[in-house]
């Protein structure tokens, strides 16, 4: 539940910064499906981080797929 709230809050912050709306329902469904898939494959469920997302937007990471690249550096 906390992860969902954090993801929706992050989406709201990015909406304000970029001036573009996001689909909060799609965000919630995607997070839920990803967490179920992670747990079924032995992984750990998670959610988007506000700090990383805001930094990506601030420094020019404006593509929807940009956060996927962040996993390569953690």
N, C-alpha and C. Protein backbone atom coordinates (compact mmCIF):
# COMPACT_ATOMS: atom_id res chain seq x y z
N UNK A 1 0.82 -1.19 0.00
CA UNK A 1 0.00 0.00 0.00
C UNK A 1 0.87 1.26 0.00
N UNK A 2 1.94 1.22 0.79
CA UNK A 2 2.82 2.39 0.85
C UNK A 2 3.49 2.63 -0.51
N UNK A 3 3.88 1.54 -1.18
CA UNK A 3 4.49 1.67 -2.50
C UNK A 3 3.56 2.30 -3.51
N UNK A 4 2.30 1.93 -3.46
CA UNK A 4 1.30 2.50 -4.37
C UNK A 4 1.15 4.00 -4.10
N UNK A 5 1.05 4.37 -2.84
CA UNK A 5 0.91 5.80 -2.50
C UNK A 5 2.13 6.59 -2.94
N UNK A 6 3.33 6.02 -2.74
CA UNK A 6 4.55 6.71 -3.16
C UNK A 6 4.60 6.86 -4.67
N UNK A 7 4.21 5.83 -5.40
CA UNK A 7 4.23 5.91 -6.86
C UNK A 7 3.23 6.95 -7.38
N UNK A 8 2.05 6.99 -6.79
CA UNK A 8 1.06 7.97 -7.21
C UNK A 8 1.50 9.40 -6.85
N UNK A 9 2.15 9.55 -5.70
CA UNK A 9 2.67 10.85 -5.31
C UNK A 9 3.79 11.28 -6.27
N UNK A 10 4.64 10.34 -6.64
CA UNK A 10 5.71 10.63 -7.60
C UNK A 10 5.12 11.05 -8.94
N UNK A 11 4.09 10.36 -9.40
CA UNK A 11 3.45 10.72 -10.66
C UNK A 11 2.88 12.13 -10.60
N UNK A 12 2.30 12.50 -9.47
CA UNK A 12 1.76 13.85 -9.31
C UNK A 12 2.86 14.91 -9.35
N UNK A 13 4.00 14.63 -8.72
CA UNK A 13 5.12 15.58 -8.73
C UNK A 13 5.64 15.76 -10.15
N UNK A 14 5.80 14.66 -10.87
CA UNK A 14 6.29 14.74 -12.25
C UNK A 14 5.28 15.44 -13.14
N UNK A 15 4.00 15.21 -12.92
CA UNK A 15 2.97 15.92 -13.69
C UNK A 15 3.11 17.43 -13.50
N UNK A 16 3.34 17.84 -12.26
CA UNK A 16 3.50 19.27 -11.98
C UNK A 16 4.76 19.83 -12.62
N UNK A 17 5.85 19.08 -12.61
CA UNK A 17 7.12 19.56 -13.16
C UNK A 17 7.10 19.64 -14.68
N UNK A 18 6.47 18.67 -15.31
CA UNK A 18 6.49 18.62 -16.77
C UNK A 18 5.28 19.27 -17.42
N UNK A 19 4.22 19.47 -16.66
CA UNK A 19 3.01 20.06 -17.22
C UNK A 19 2.22 19.08 -18.07
N UNK A 20 2.49 17.79 -17.94
CA UNK A 20 1.77 16.78 -18.70
C UNK A 20 1.05 15.84 -17.73
N UNK A 21 -0.14 15.39 -18.09
CA UNK A 21 -0.87 14.49 -17.20
C UNK A 21 -0.38 13.04 -17.36
N UNK A 22 -0.52 12.27 -16.31
CA UNK A 22 -0.21 10.84 -16.38
C UNK A 22 -1.48 10.06 -16.05
N UNK A 23 -1.48 8.82 -16.44
CA UNK A 23 -2.62 7.95 -16.19
C UNK A 23 -2.38 7.21 -14.87
N UNK A 24 -2.99 7.69 -13.81
CA UNK A 24 -2.76 7.11 -12.49
C UNK A 24 -3.29 5.68 -12.39
N UNK A 25 -4.36 5.37 -13.09
CA UNK A 25 -4.89 4.00 -13.09
C UNK A 25 -3.90 3.03 -13.73
N UNK A 26 -3.31 3.44 -14.85
CA UNK A 26 -2.31 2.59 -15.51
C UNK A 26 -1.08 2.44 -14.62
N UNK A 27 -0.71 3.50 -13.91
CA UNK A 27 0.42 3.45 -12.99
C UNK A 27 0.17 2.41 -11.89
N UNK A 28 -1.02 2.44 -11.31
CA UNK A 28 -1.36 1.51 -10.23
C UNK A 28 -1.43 0.07 -10.73
N UNK A 29 -2.04 -0.14 -11.89
CA UNK A 29 -2.12 -1.50 -12.44
C UNK A 29 -0.74 -2.04 -12.78
N UNK A 30 0.09 -1.21 -13.40
CA UNK A 30 1.44 -1.63 -13.77
C UNK A 30 2.28 -1.98 -12.56
N UNK A 31 2.18 -1.17 -11.51
CA UNK A 31 2.92 -1.44 -10.28
C UNK A 31 2.45 -2.75 -9.65
N UNK A 32 1.15 -2.96 -9.62
CA UNK A 32 0.62 -4.19 -9.05
C UNK A 32 1.05 -5.43 -9.81
N UNK A 33 0.96 -5.37 -11.13
CA UNK A 33 1.37 -6.52 -11.95
C UNK A 33 2.86 -6.78 -11.83
N UNK A 34 3.66 -5.73 -11.81
CA UNK A 34 5.11 -5.90 -11.69
C UNK A 34 5.48 -6.50 -10.33
N UNK A 35 4.81 -6.08 -9.28
CA UNK A 35 5.10 -6.62 -7.96
C UNK A 35 4.68 -8.08 -7.83
N UNK A 36 3.56 -8.44 -8.45
CA UNK A 36 3.14 -9.85 -8.45
C UNK A 36 4.15 -10.69 -9.23
N UNK A 37 4.56 -10.20 -10.40
CA UNK A 37 5.53 -10.93 -11.20
C UNK A 37 6.87 -11.07 -10.47
N UNK A 38 7.28 -10.01 -9.77
CA UNK A 38 8.54 -10.07 -9.02
C UNK A 38 8.46 -11.12 -7.91
N UNK A 39 7.35 -11.14 -7.20
CA UNK A 39 7.24 -12.10 -6.10
C UNK A 39 7.13 -13.54 -6.61
N UNK A 40 6.48 -13.75 -7.74
CA UNK A 40 6.37 -15.09 -8.30
C UNK A 40 7.70 -15.62 -8.81
N UNK A 41 8.59 -14.72 -9.20
CA UNK A 41 9.89 -15.15 -9.73
C UNK A 41 10.99 -15.08 -8.66
N UNK A 42 10.59 -14.87 -7.40
CA UNK A 42 11.56 -14.87 -6.32
C UNK A 42 12.22 -13.53 -6.08
N UNK A 43 11.73 -12.50 -6.71
CA UNK A 43 12.29 -11.16 -6.53
C UNK A 43 11.64 -10.41 -5.38
N UNK A 44 12.03 -9.16 -5.24
CA UNK A 44 11.49 -8.31 -4.18
C UNK A 44 10.66 -7.21 -4.84
N UNK A 45 9.44 -7.04 -4.36
CA UNK A 45 8.55 -6.00 -4.91
C UNK A 45 9.08 -4.62 -4.55
N UNK A 46 8.78 -3.65 -5.38
CA UNK A 46 9.26 -2.29 -5.11
C UNK A 46 8.40 -1.26 -5.79
N UNK A 47 8.84 -0.01 -5.73
CA UNK A 47 8.11 1.08 -6.35
C UNK A 47 9.10 2.16 -6.78
N UNK A 48 8.60 3.14 -7.53
CA UNK A 48 9.45 4.23 -7.99
C UNK A 48 9.91 5.12 -6.85
N UNK A 49 11.11 5.65 -6.96
CA UNK A 49 11.64 6.53 -5.92
C UNK A 49 11.46 7.98 -6.35
N UNK A 50 10.98 8.80 -5.45
CA UNK A 50 10.71 10.21 -5.76
C UNK A 50 11.99 10.94 -6.13
N UNK A 51 13.05 10.76 -5.35
CA UNK A 51 14.30 11.48 -5.60
C UNK A 51 14.90 11.16 -6.95
N UNK A 52 14.96 9.89 -7.31
CA UNK A 52 15.52 9.49 -8.60
C UNK A 52 14.67 10.03 -9.75
N UNK A 53 13.37 9.96 -9.61
CA UNK A 53 12.47 10.41 -10.66
C UNK A 53 12.58 11.92 -10.87
N UNK A 54 12.58 12.67 -9.78
CA UNK A 54 12.68 14.13 -9.88
C UNK A 54 14.04 14.52 -10.49
N UNK A 55 15.10 13.83 -10.10
CA UNK A 55 16.42 14.10 -10.68
C UNK A 55 16.43 13.81 -12.17
N UNK A 56 15.82 12.71 -12.59
CA UNK A 56 15.76 12.37 -14.01
C UNK A 56 15.06 13.48 -14.80
N UNK A 57 13.95 13.98 -14.28
CA UNK A 57 13.21 15.04 -14.97
C UNK A 57 14.03 16.33 -14.98
N UNK A 58 14.63 16.66 -13.85
CA UNK A 58 15.39 17.91 -13.72
C UNK A 58 16.58 17.96 -14.66
N UNK A 59 17.25 16.82 -14.86
CA UNK A 59 18.46 16.79 -15.67
C UNK A 59 18.22 16.28 -17.09
N UNK A 60 16.98 16.31 -17.54
CA UNK A 60 16.70 16.06 -18.95
C UNK A 60 16.21 14.68 -19.32
N UNK A 61 15.96 13.82 -18.37
CA UNK A 61 15.45 12.48 -18.69
C UNK A 61 13.96 12.53 -18.95
N UNK A 62 13.56 12.98 -20.11
CA UNK A 62 12.15 13.21 -20.39
C UNK A 62 11.43 12.07 -21.08
N UNK A 63 12.12 10.97 -21.33
CA UNK A 63 11.50 9.86 -22.03
C UNK A 63 10.80 8.94 -21.04
N UNK A 64 9.72 8.31 -21.45
CA UNK A 64 8.97 7.41 -20.59
C UNK A 64 9.80 6.19 -20.21
N UNK A 65 10.71 5.77 -21.05
CA UNK A 65 11.52 4.58 -20.80
C UNK A 65 12.81 4.90 -20.04
N UNK A 66 13.09 6.15 -19.75
CA UNK A 66 14.33 6.55 -19.12
C UNK A 66 14.59 5.85 -17.78
N UNK A 67 13.61 5.69 -16.88
CA UNK A 67 13.89 5.02 -15.60
C UNK A 67 14.34 3.58 -15.74
N UNK A 68 14.00 2.92 -16.84
CA UNK A 68 14.43 1.54 -17.02
C UNK A 68 15.95 1.45 -17.12
N UNK A 69 16.58 2.49 -17.61
CA UNK A 69 18.03 2.50 -17.70
C UNK A 69 18.69 2.64 -16.34
N UNK A 70 17.98 3.22 -15.38
CA UNK A 70 18.54 3.40 -14.05
C UNK A 70 18.85 2.10 -13.34
N UNK A 71 18.14 1.05 -13.70
CA UNK A 71 18.38 -0.24 -13.05
C UNK A 71 19.75 -0.80 -13.41
N UNK A 72 20.32 -0.35 -14.50
CA UNK A 72 21.63 -0.86 -14.93
C UNK A 72 22.76 -0.32 -14.06
N UNK A 73 22.51 0.77 -13.33
CA UNK A 73 23.57 1.41 -12.57
C UNK A 73 23.41 1.22 -11.07
N UNK A 74 22.49 0.40 -10.62
CA UNK A 74 22.30 0.17 -9.18
C UNK A 74 22.84 -1.18 -8.78
